[in-house]
């Protein structure tokens, strides 16, 4: 009898604890007043889908502050200053949260997106340059007749989170809705834990990890900035709550689909960091990315990241590619070049079904500007060689040079510094930041100049067969 009473007491305590820690959220997802079925709803931990009338019922933990949907293909949600409103803040005493979808005007199976990284606004004086970037994005998108959306890989601002409203209003001039992930600069630092570091972000942009669908593509946004409770210190790390959420999220995605994963800190910048872990680089790459690679194996996957302000294109496997997007701000708005010589700009992606096509667009140049050539006595580090900085290249590109109309020959890929960036950032005197300096990169190609050559032509052919041609006089 005593044992029975103890079991009953334990059961009552368990039920009371569950009641205190759990709640049940409900609502409808509609479009033009009609319920939409099979829409995924989550609180960042638990999942459900809407029924045939668009209704959902979601058990939720009391410490999850938001409820949100995976926007289904063919639909948009209301946008406020370029920020899609696919989430709602959970408030005490309210258990009903409805979502309204808007049917897209055209089919989105064939669609595009613009991806930016590290706008990183430090001072109000930088907003006019950001506005120029937004206008350039709009001009690029207007050249297409397919729907576009925007993606930002983080570091929206440098440190002052009160700039978020002005940033969003500025980017709204692009005409795009931007799905964003926080960067390390978007965390509220000087707080006591990682768990409290994203509260200001959530107030403006919503959840730090979520998903949405466009056409036949599933997009996942993650937060891999892990604040470790020391001033400005963080590591690249995806916590277990996100990984558990991602497992459930991907359970709704059929194998073989095209999946894009958006995060701030790259999972990799070169083959070496995929093979050898280094404590020196724990803030430069995602330290536990192998688990992400494993989860993405059933899909044709792309990772979009930023953080470095420079270009790295990595073919991780035949089904996984990482695009490390250079900074929209160039060198923190101190110059038009990134520190590896890549002009400031953004990625342009075109999706047709599951097929993916992309190129890098410099904000200050036309779309076919894809390289810088160096040769001559003013570049003693390249003595006797023609050098091309082909910033958007990867190992599938073919880069060749011909001299005076002769036969084209393959150029050798190597790592070096960009001379223009070296000149531009030789000294940070007079700049707003002391940490701007040239950095080496592996997207350079060289070939010996034949004796007596007068003119060289470099042809770079990308993975999609597009040819970019540039000439240089050697004398």
Protein backbone atom coordinates (compact mmCIF):
# COMPACT_ATOMS: atom_id res chain seq x y z
CA UNK A 1 0.00 0.00 0.00
CA UNK A 2 2.81 2.36 0.93
CA UNK A 3 4.53 1.64 -2.37
CA UNK A 4 1.28 2.33 -4.24
CA UNK A 5 0.85 5.70 -2.51
CA UNK A 6 4.42 6.65 -3.34
CA UNK A 7 3.83 5.79 -7.01
CA UNK A 8 0.65 7.88 -7.06
CA UNK A 9 2.48 10.87 -5.52
CA UNK A 10 5.24 10.53 -8.10
CA UNK A 11 2.64 10.44 -10.89
CA UNK A 12 0.91 13.57 -9.60
CA UNK A 13 4.25 15.40 -9.36
CA UNK A 14 5.18 14.32 -12.92
CA UNK A 15 1.82 15.51 -14.30
CA UNK A 16 2.12 18.84 -12.50
CA UNK A 17 5.68 19.36 -13.79
CA UNK A 18 4.52 18.53 -17.33
CA UNK A 19 1.62 20.96 -17.01
CA UNK A 20 3.99 23.69 -15.80
CA UNK A 21 6.53 23.11 -18.56
CA UNK A 22 4.22 22.25 -21.45
CA UNK A 23 1.52 24.14 -23.26
CA UNK A 24 -0.52 23.39 -26.34
CA UNK A 25 -0.52 25.96 -29.14
CA UNK A 26 -3.20 25.98 -31.79
CA UNK A 27 -4.33 27.98 -34.77
CA UNK A 28 -4.87 27.99 -38.51
CA UNK A 29 -2.80 28.59 -41.62
CA UNK A 30 -4.90 30.16 -44.36
CA UNK A 31 -4.71 31.83 -47.74
CA UNK A 32 -7.60 34.01 -48.92
CA UNK A 33 -9.60 32.64 -46.00
CA UNK A 34 -9.11 28.99 -46.99
CA UNK A 35 -7.15 26.57 -44.80
CA UNK A 36 -3.88 25.23 -46.24
CA UNK A 37 -3.03 21.62 -45.46
CA UNK A 38 0.36 20.02 -44.70
CA UNK A 39 2.08 23.20 -43.56
CA UNK A 40 4.84 22.43 -41.04
CA UNK A 41 4.54 24.27 -37.72
CA UNK A 42 7.25 24.31 -35.03
CA UNK A 43 8.36 26.04 -31.85
CA UNK A 44 12.02 25.29 -32.55
CA UNK A 45 11.74 21.91 -30.84
CA UNK A 46 8.37 20.27 -31.48
CA UNK A 47 6.66 19.82 -34.85
CA UNK A 48 3.25 19.27 -36.33
CA UNK A 49 1.47 19.85 -39.65
CA UNK A 50 -1.86 21.44 -40.49
CA UNK A 51 -4.87 19.29 -41.30
CA UNK A 52 -7.09 19.55 -44.38
CA UNK A 53 -8.72 22.69 -42.97
CA UNK A 54 -5.41 24.34 -42.13
CA UNK A 55 -5.70 23.71 -38.38
CA UNK A 56 -2.81 22.71 -36.14
CA UNK A 57 -2.28 21.69 -32.53
CA UNK A 58 1.30 21.86 -31.23
CA UNK A 59 2.58 20.75 -27.80
CA UNK A 60 5.24 23.30 -26.84
CA UNK A 61 7.83 23.69 -24.11
CA UNK A 62 7.40 26.81 -22.01
CA UNK A 63 10.93 28.05 -22.66
CA UNK A 64 10.47 28.23 -26.45
CA UNK A 65 9.64 31.88 -27.19
CA UNK A 66 8.39 31.64 -30.79
CA UNK A 67 6.02 29.62 -32.93
CA UNK A 68 6.62 29.60 -36.67
CA UNK A 69 5.88 27.88 -39.94
CA UNK A 70 7.90 26.49 -42.80
CA UNK A 71 6.58 28.69 -45.62
CA UNK A 72 5.41 26.23 -48.30
CA UNK A 73 6.36 26.39 -51.96
CA UNK A 74 4.11 28.63 -54.02
CA UNK A 75 3.40 31.03 -51.16
CA UNK A 76 4.78 34.12 -49.48
CA UNK A 77 4.04 35.66 -46.10
CA UNK A 78 3.62 39.30 -45.20
CA UNK A 79 6.91 41.19 -45.20
CA UNK A 80 7.89 44.18 -43.07
CA UNK A 81 10.82 46.16 -44.47
CA UNK A 82 12.17 43.11 -46.31
CA UNK A 83 11.74 40.72 -43.32
CA UNK A 84 9.26 37.84 -43.89
CA UNK A 85 6.82 37.50 -40.97
CA UNK A 86 6.63 33.72 -40.69
CA UNK A 87 6.82 33.65 -36.90
CA UNK A 88 4.96 34.97 -33.86
CA UNK A 89 6.10 35.62 -30.32
CA UNK A 90 4.36 33.40 -27.78
CA UNK A 91 2.76 35.50 -25.05
CA UNK A 92 1.51 34.44 -21.64
CA UNK A 93 -2.18 33.60 -21.54
CA UNK A 94 -2.49 33.21 -25.32
CA UNK A 95 -2.48 29.79 -26.97
CA UNK A 96 -3.84 30.69 -30.43
CA UNK A 97 -1.57 31.80 -33.29
CA UNK A 98 -2.86 32.08 -36.84
CA UNK A 99 -0.76 32.51 -39.97
CA UNK A 100 -1.78 33.97 -43.32
CA UNK A 101 -0.13 32.98 -46.60
CA UNK A 102 -0.14 34.88 -49.88
CA UNK A 103 -0.28 32.93 -53.14
CA UNK A 104 2.59 33.83 -55.46
CA UNK A 105 1.65 35.43 -58.76
CA UNK A 106 3.74 32.97 -60.77
CA UNK A 107 5.01 29.42 -60.40
CA UNK A 108 8.23 29.30 -58.37
CA UNK A 109 9.65 26.00 -59.64
CA UNK A 110 11.96 28.21 -61.69
CA UNK A 111 13.19 30.90 -59.29
CA UNK A 112 16.27 32.76 -58.15
CA UNK A 113 17.80 34.25 -55.08
CA UNK A 114 20.43 36.82 -54.15
CA UNK A 115 22.78 35.91 -51.32
CA UNK A 116 24.76 38.52 -49.40
CA UNK A 117 27.10 38.27 -46.45
CA UNK A 118 28.55 40.64 -43.89
CA UNK A 119 26.98 44.01 -44.69
CA UNK A 120 28.23 44.73 -41.15
CA UNK A 121 27.12 48.33 -40.72
CA UNK A 122 29.37 50.02 -38.15
CA UNK A 123 28.32 53.67 -38.52
CA UNK A 124 25.40 55.57 -40.01
CA UNK A 125 27.72 57.04 -42.64
CA UNK A 126 27.86 53.58 -44.26
CA UNK A 127 24.16 53.38 -45.08
CA UNK A 128 24.44 55.28 -48.40
CA UNK A 129 26.90 52.63 -49.65
CA UNK A 130 24.53 49.90 -48.46
CA UNK A 131 21.73 51.65 -50.38
CA UNK A 132 23.88 51.55 -53.52
CA UNK A 133 24.26 47.82 -53.03
CA UNK A 134 20.51 47.38 -52.63
CA UNK A 135 19.88 49.34 -55.84
CA UNK A 136 22.42 47.20 -57.70
CA UNK A 137 20.69 44.05 -56.48
CA UNK A 138 17.35 45.40 -57.71
CA UNK A 139 18.84 46.14 -61.16
CA UNK A 140 20.22 42.59 -61.37
CA UNK A 141 16.91 40.99 -60.40
CA UNK A 142 14.98 43.14 -62.86
CA UNK A 143 16.92 41.38 -65.63
CA UNK A 144 15.04 38.15 -64.87
CA UNK A 145 11.39 37.16 -65.31
CA UNK A 146 11.30 34.68 -62.44
CA UNK A 147 10.51 35.21 -58.74
CA UNK A 148 13.47 36.06 -56.49
CA UNK A 149 14.09 36.14 -52.77
CA UNK A 150 17.07 37.28 -50.72
CA UNK A 151 19.33 35.48 -48.26
CA UNK A 152 21.74 37.12 -45.80
CA UNK A 153 24.51 35.03 -44.24
CA UNK A 154 24.84 37.18 -41.14
CA UNK A 155 26.72 40.06 -39.55
CA UNK A 156 23.97 42.46 -40.52
CA UNK A 157 25.54 45.10 -38.30
CA UNK A 158 28.90 45.50 -36.57
CA UNK A 159 27.82 46.08 -32.97
CA UNK A 160 24.92 48.56 -32.67
CA UNK A 161 21.69 46.58 -32.87
CA UNK A 162 19.61 49.76 -32.95
CA UNK A 163 20.63 49.93 -36.64
CA UNK A 164 18.43 46.93 -37.51
CA UNK A 165 15.34 48.96 -38.53
CA UNK A 166 17.37 51.27 -40.79
CA UNK A 167 19.21 48.32 -42.27
CA UNK A 168 15.95 46.54 -43.11
CA UNK A 169 14.41 49.68 -44.60
CA UNK A 170 17.52 50.18 -46.74
CA UNK A 171 17.54 46.59 -48.02
CA UNK A 172 13.82 46.81 -48.80
CA UNK A 173 14.83 49.01 -51.74
CA UNK A 174 16.17 45.85 -53.37
CA UNK A 175 12.58 44.72 -53.79
CA UNK A 176 13.34 41.38 -52.14
CA UNK A 177 12.30 39.64 -48.95
CA UNK A 178 15.48 38.58 -47.12
CA UNK A 179 15.71 35.42 -45.06
CA UNK A 180 18.62 36.01 -42.68
CA UNK A 181 20.81 34.21 -40.20
CA UNK A 182 22.61 35.96 -37.36
CA UNK A 183 26.37 36.45 -37.42
CA UNK A 184 28.71 36.70 -34.48
CA UNK A 185 28.25 40.49 -34.53
CA UNK A 186 24.48 40.05 -34.33
CA UNK A 187 24.70 38.34 -30.96
CA UNK A 188 24.10 40.31 -27.79
CA UNK A 189 27.50 39.95 -26.24
CA UNK A 190 28.49 40.74 -22.66
CA UNK A 191 25.48 38.67 -21.58
CA UNK A 192 26.03 35.70 -19.29
CA UNK A 193 25.23 32.78 -21.62
CA UNK A 194 24.92 31.77 -25.24
CA UNK A 195 21.21 31.09 -24.68
CA UNK A 196 20.51 34.78 -24.04
CA UNK A 197 22.69 36.10 -26.87
CA UNK A 198 20.02 36.13 -29.60
CA UNK A 199 17.09 37.85 -27.88
CA UNK A 200 17.50 41.17 -29.74
CA UNK A 201 17.84 39.31 -33.04
CA UNK A 202 14.60 37.42 -32.41
CA UNK A 203 12.70 40.64 -31.77
CA UNK A 204 13.50 41.88 -35.29
CA UNK A 205 14.21 38.85 -37.47
CA UNK A 206 12.45 36.02 -35.66
CA UNK A 207 13.95 32.58 -34.95
CA UNK A 208 17.66 31.95 -35.39
CA UNK A 209 16.99 28.61 -37.07
CA UNK A 210 14.08 27.80 -39.38
CA UNK A 211 13.23 26.58 -42.87
CA UNK A 212 11.16 27.51 -45.91
CA UNK A 213 10.39 26.03 -49.32
CA UNK A 214 10.54 27.61 -52.76
CA UNK A 215 9.70 25.52 -55.80
CA UNK A 216 11.34 22.12 -55.45
CA UNK A 217 14.02 23.40 -53.07
CA UNK A 218 14.11 23.24 -49.28
CA UNK A 219 15.99 26.04 -47.50
CA UNK A 220 17.30 25.66 -43.94
CA UNK A 221 18.72 28.52 -41.87
CA UNK A 222 20.93 27.70 -38.86
CA UNK A 223 22.83 29.66 -36.21
CA UNK A 224 26.40 28.35 -35.79
CA UNK A 225 27.71 31.25 -33.67
CA UNK A 226 28.20 29.97 -30.14
CA UNK A 227 28.93 32.72 -27.63
CA UNK A 228 31.10 31.43 -24.78
CA UNK A 229 30.40 34.13 -22.20
CA UNK A 230 33.58 36.14 -22.60
CA UNK A 231 33.76 39.58 -24.21
CA UNK A 232 33.53 39.09 -27.99
CA UNK A 233 34.56 35.43 -27.84
CA UNK A 234 32.65 32.80 -29.79
CA UNK A 235 33.21 29.54 -31.62
CA UNK A 236 31.70 27.99 -34.72
CA UNK A 237 29.37 25.35 -33.30
CA UNK A 238 25.87 23.98 -33.92
CA UNK A 239 24.21 22.98 -30.65
CA UNK A 240 22.22 19.81 -30.06
CA UNK A 241 18.84 21.58 -29.94
CA UNK A 242 19.35 22.75 -33.53
CA UNK A 243 20.61 19.37 -34.73
CA UNK A 244 17.61 17.63 -33.13
CA UNK A 245 15.32 20.21 -34.75
CA UNK A 246 17.04 19.75 -38.11
CA UNK A 247 16.56 15.97 -38.01
CA UNK A 248 12.82 16.50 -37.60
CA UNK A 249 12.73 19.28 -40.21
CA UNK A 250 14.46 17.11 -42.82
CA UNK A 251 12.06 14.25 -42.09
CA UNK A 252 9.50 16.23 -44.12
CA UNK A 253 11.91 16.50 -47.09
CA UNK A 254 12.09 13.56 -49.55
CA UNK A 255 15.52 12.11 -50.25
CA UNK A 256 17.10 13.37 -53.46
CA UNK A 257 15.72 16.90 -53.05
CA UNK A 258 17.92 19.98 -53.42
CA UNK A 259 18.59 21.53 -50.02
CA UNK A 260 20.32 24.81 -49.17
CA UNK A 261 21.70 25.35 -45.67
CA UNK A 262 22.39 28.95 -44.65
CA UNK A 263 24.71 29.80 -41.76
CA UNK A 264 27.28 32.45 -40.89
CA UNK A 265 30.55 30.77 -39.97
CA UNK A 266 31.72 28.45 -42.78
CA UNK A 267 31.86 24.72 -42.22
CA UNK A 268 35.03 24.68 -44.34
CA UNK A 269 37.34 27.02 -46.23
CA UNK A 270 39.77 24.46 -47.63
CA UNK A 271 40.38 20.73 -47.75
CA UNK A 272 42.87 20.93 -44.88
CA UNK A 273 40.34 22.16 -42.30
CA UNK A 274 38.06 19.23 -43.20
CA UNK A 275 40.85 16.78 -42.40
CA UNK A 276 42.60 18.34 -39.41
CA UNK A 277 41.01 20.09 -36.43
CA UNK A 278 42.80 23.18 -35.12
CA UNK A 279 42.01 25.03 -31.92
CA UNK A 280 43.42 28.12 -33.59
CA UNK A 281 40.51 28.09 -36.04
CA UNK A 282 37.56 27.39 -33.72
CA UNK A 283 36.05 30.79 -34.53
CA UNK A 284 36.77 30.46 -38.25
CA UNK A 285 34.92 27.26 -39.11
CA UNK A 286 32.08 25.21 -37.62
CA UNK A 287 33.87 22.74 -35.37
CA UNK A 288 31.19 20.03 -35.42
CA UNK A 289 30.17 20.27 -39.07
CA UNK A 290 30.68 16.56 -39.80
CA UNK A 291 27.30 15.84 -38.23
CA UNK A 292 25.72 18.32 -40.65
CA UNK A 293 27.45 16.68 -43.62
CA UNK A 294 26.08 13.31 -42.50
CA UNK A 295 22.53 14.62 -42.23
CA UNK A 296 22.74 16.13 -45.72
CA UNK A 297 23.97 12.93 -47.42
CA UNK A 298 20.52 11.96 -48.78
CA UNK A 299 20.19 15.31 -50.58
CA UNK A 300 21.81 17.40 -53.26
CA UNK A 301 23.01 20.06 -50.88
CA UNK A 302 24.63 23.48 -50.89
CA UNK A 303 25.90 25.41 -47.88
CA UNK A 304 25.87 29.23 -47.98
CA UNK A 305 28.09 31.02 -45.47
CA UNK A 306 30.03 34.25 -44.93
CA UNK A 307 32.15 35.50 -42.00
CA UNK A 308 35.53 35.58 -43.76
CA UNK A 309 34.69 38.60 -45.99
CA UNK A 310 36.59 36.72 -48.73
CA UNK A 311 35.89 33.99 -51.29
CA UNK A 312 36.13 30.25 -50.74
CA UNK A 313 34.30 27.78 -53.00
CA UNK A 314 34.59 24.23 -51.73
CA UNK A 315 33.44 21.01 -53.39
CA UNK A 316 33.05 18.85 -50.28
CA UNK A 317 31.61 15.86 -52.17
CA UNK A 318 29.79 15.19 -55.42
CA UNK A 319 26.53 16.09 -53.60
CA UNK A 320 27.69 18.84 -51.26
CA UNK A 321 29.14 22.26 -52.16
CA UNK A 322 29.92 25.19 -49.88
CA UNK A 323 29.81 28.78 -51.13
CA UNK A 324 31.63 31.13 -48.75
CA UNK A 325 30.19 34.45 -49.90
CA UNK A 326 32.48 37.52 -49.90
CA UNK A 327 31.36 40.63 -48.07
CA UNK A 328 28.80 43.04 -49.50
CA UNK A 329 30.78 45.63 -47.51
CA UNK A 330 34.10 44.74 -49.15
CA UNK A 331 36.70 45.44 -46.47
CA UNK A 332 34.23 46.64 -43.81
CA UNK A 333 33.29 49.64 -46.02
CA UNK A 334 36.93 50.82 -45.96
CA UNK A 335 37.49 49.98 -49.61
CA UNK A 336 35.68 48.43 -52.60
CA UNK A 337 37.80 45.27 -52.56
CA UNK A 338 37.66 42.44 -50.09
CA UNK A 339 41.05 41.73 -48.58
CA UNK A 340 41.69 38.88 -51.06
CA UNK A 341 41.02 41.15 -54.05
CA UNK A 342 37.42 40.03 -54.62
CA UNK A 343 35.28 43.08 -55.43
CA UNK A 344 32.43 43.64 -52.99
CA UNK A 345 29.22 42.06 -54.21
CA UNK A 346 26.83 39.13 -53.88
CA UNK A 347 25.91 35.74 -55.28
CA UNK A 348 23.20 35.29 -57.91
CA UNK A 349 21.58 31.84 -57.95
CA UNK A 350 19.06 30.50 -60.45
CA UNK A 351 17.09 27.35 -59.64
CA UNK A 352 15.10 25.36 -62.20
CA UNK A 353 13.48 22.39 -60.50
CA UNK A 354 16.42 20.86 -58.66
CA UNK A 355 19.09 22.26 -60.99
CA UNK A 356 21.29 24.99 -59.53
CA UNK A 357 23.21 27.66 -61.46
CA UNK A 358 25.17 30.52 -59.93
CA UNK A 359 27.65 33.34 -60.46
CA UNK A 360 29.20 36.14 -58.43
CA UNK A 361 28.12 39.71 -59.17
CA UNK A 362 30.34 42.63 -58.18
CA UNK A 363 28.29 45.68 -57.21
CA UNK A 364 30.67 48.05 -59.01
CA UNK A 365 31.08 46.06 -62.25
CA UNK A 366 29.00 44.24 -64.89
CA UNK A 367 28.16 40.56 -64.48
CA UNK A 368 30.92 39.38 -66.86
CA UNK A 369 33.66 40.96 -64.73
CA UNK A 370 35.13 37.84 -63.14
CA UNK A 371 38.90 38.35 -62.92
CA UNK A 372 41.80 40.76 -62.53
CA UNK A 373 45.04 40.30 -64.46
CA UNK A 374 48.56 41.21 -63.29
CA UNK A 375 51.81 41.26 -65.23
CA UNK A 376 54.80 43.57 -65.51
CA UNK A 377 57.65 45.05 -63.55
CA UNK A 378 55.34 46.74 -61.04
CA UNK A 379 54.56 43.29 -59.62
CA UNK A 380 57.98 41.88 -58.68
CA UNK A 381 56.37 39.06 -56.69
CA UNK A 382 55.08 37.71 -60.02
CA UNK A 383 58.29 38.24 -62.00
CA UNK A 384 58.10 36.62 -65.42
CA UNK A 385 54.52 35.43 -64.95
CA UNK A 386 51.01 36.38 -65.93
CA UNK A 387 48.68 36.10 -62.94
CA UNK A 388 44.88 36.05 -62.87
CA UNK A 389 42.75 36.49 -59.76
CA UNK A 390 39.59 34.55 -60.68
CA UNK A 391 37.73 35.04 -57.43
CA UNK A 392 34.58 32.96 -58.05
CA UNK A 393 36.46 29.92 -59.37
CA UNK A 394 36.61 26.39 -58.02
CA UNK A 395 38.43 23.23 -59.10
CA UNK A 396 35.95 22.65 -61.94
CA UNK A 397 36.78 25.93 -63.64
CA UNK A 398 39.20 25.90 -66.56
CA UNK A 399 41.53 28.91 -66.69
CA UNK A 400 43.75 29.26 -69.77
CA UNK A 401 46.02 31.88 -71.28
CA UNK A 402 47.21 32.54 -74.80
CA UNK A 403 49.86 34.97 -76.00
CA UNK A 404 49.62 37.02 -79.20
CA UNK A 405 46.86 34.82 -80.59
CA UNK A 406 48.72 31.56 -79.98
CA UNK A 407 47.44 28.30 -78.55
CA UNK A 408 45.76 28.54 -75.14
CA UNK A 409 47.50 26.75 -72.27
CA UNK A 410 46.26 25.89 -68.80
CA UNK A 411 47.28 28.20 -65.97
CA UNK A 412 48.48 26.83 -62.63
CA UNK A 413 46.39 27.49 -59.53
CA UNK A 414 48.29 28.80 -56.50
CA UNK A 415 47.92 30.85 -53.33
CA UNK A 416 49.07 34.45 -53.07
CA UNK A 417 48.07 38.01 -52.18
CA UNK A 418 46.17 40.26 -54.55
CA UNK A 419 48.39 43.24 -55.50
CA UNK A 420 45.50 45.71 -55.69
CA UNK A 421 44.33 44.70 -52.21
CA UNK A 422 47.91 44.93 -50.95
CA UNK A 423 48.15 48.49 -52.21
CA UNK A 424 44.69 49.47 -50.98
CA UNK A 425 45.22 48.05 -47.49
CA UNK A 426 48.98 48.46 -47.08
CA UNK A 427 48.26 50.72 -44.14
CA UNK A 428 45.14 51.07 -42.03
CA UNK A 429 46.11 54.58 -41.03
CA UNK A 430 43.07 56.82 -41.43
CA UNK A 431 40.70 53.85 -41.57
CA UNK A 432 37.93 53.25 -39.07
CA UNK A 433 39.29 49.82 -38.16
CA UNK A 434 42.77 48.58 -37.31
CA UNK A 435 42.04 45.00 -38.40
CA UNK A 436 41.89 45.66 -42.17
CA UNK A 437 44.85 44.07 -43.93
CA UNK A 438 45.44 41.96 -47.08
CA UNK A 439 44.84 38.22 -46.88
CA UNK A 440 46.05 35.40 -49.18
CA UNK A 441 43.70 33.26 -51.24
CA UNK A 442 43.86 30.20 -53.48
CA UNK A 443 41.81 31.54 -56.41
CA UNK A 444 44.88 32.76 -58.33
CA UNK A 445 46.31 31.29 -61.54
CA UNK A 446 49.73 31.82 -63.17
CA UNK A 447 51.68 31.00 -66.29
CA UNK A 448 55.14 31.95 -67.50
CA UNK A 449 55.20 34.76 -70.08
CA UNK A 450 57.01 33.72 -73.28
CA UNK A 451 59.94 35.91 -74.26
CA UNK A 452 58.87 38.71 -76.57
CA UNK A 453 55.13 38.35 -75.95
CA UNK A 454 53.13 41.56 -76.41
CA UNK A 455 49.57 40.69 -75.43
CA UNK A 456 47.93 38.00 -73.32
CA UNK A 457 44.36 36.72 -73.31
CA UNK A 458 42.96 34.84 -70.33
CA UNK A 459 39.82 32.75 -70.72
CA UNK A 460 38.09 31.42 -67.60
CA UNK A 461 35.33 28.88 -68.18
CA UNK A 462 33.04 28.20 -65.24
CA UNK A 463 31.23 25.01 -64.24
CA UNK A 464 28.29 25.89 -66.48
CA UNK A 465 30.29 26.55 -69.65
CA UNK A 466 30.20 30.35 -69.42
CA UNK A 467 33.41 31.88 -70.76
CA UNK A 468 34.92 35.08 -69.36
CA UNK A 469 37.67 36.67 -71.44
CA UNK A 470 40.08 39.42 -70.50
CA UNK A 471 43.17 40.81 -72.25
CA UNK A 472 46.27 42.58 -70.98
CA UNK A 473 49.11 44.35 -72.77
CA UNK A 474 52.47 43.08 -71.64
CA UNK A 475 54.59 45.95 -72.93
